[in-house]
């Protein structure tokens, strides 16, 4: 099975709640009153033994953690999916077209202003009338190109915004309508908590209370005979070999 999984930070509160439930059970409360151990001290012991008690429900916790990770991963993918949609923006030349769509009206407008100024300047100066007419004609043509390019850019931007809004709406609807693993996740969490309480926390607390009761000051009363023998505990005992008559005096030759 491998090394037991460590509880995540978000599962510590669930562990503490499960510990409190077990401590509040009638069985543990009765043993607490009998042993005289404070409930707070028992709770501290239970929190300190989280690695030991959680290992008893490691299989259920692995399943719960895997389902939770899968559920969150699917939702994260849905939220962070590209919202541009499969359109012109995802094609390799979309960036170049966007740049041209912005620069074309600007450059055409600058060219139109330049040609018109030069053409009408030559007309006012009454020099090179043929060149002046050509510059004026090119200027007006550039102005028309600038206007058409600007109109096309505005329409393209509007279509892009409309497509973006539609894709966002579809993404939100897909996210809300996506099948959720909430029931299975809740069942896995409850199975882990039940196993944690029954196989991990409760046996540990029972062992702690049994050891506390066995080591209590009054626990040895009635069983103190293994520390003293009735043959040597009477009031007339004065030590082995030192009671009765005095030792005999040796005879003189």
Foldseek 3Di string as FASTA:
>chain_A
DDQFDDDDPVCLVVQLVLLVVLCPDPVNVVLCVVLVDDSVVLSVVLSVCCRQLLSQLRVLVVVLVVQVVVQVVVLVCLVPPDLQDPDLCPDPCSVVVLVCLVVLLVVLLVLLVVLLVVLVVCVVVVPPPVSSVVSNVSSVVSNVRSVVSPVVSVVVVVVSVVSSVVSVVVSVVCSVPPDGCVVVSVVSVVVSSVSSNPVGNNVVSVVVSVVSNCPDPPNCPVVCCVVDPPVQPDPPDDDPPPDDDDDDDDDDD
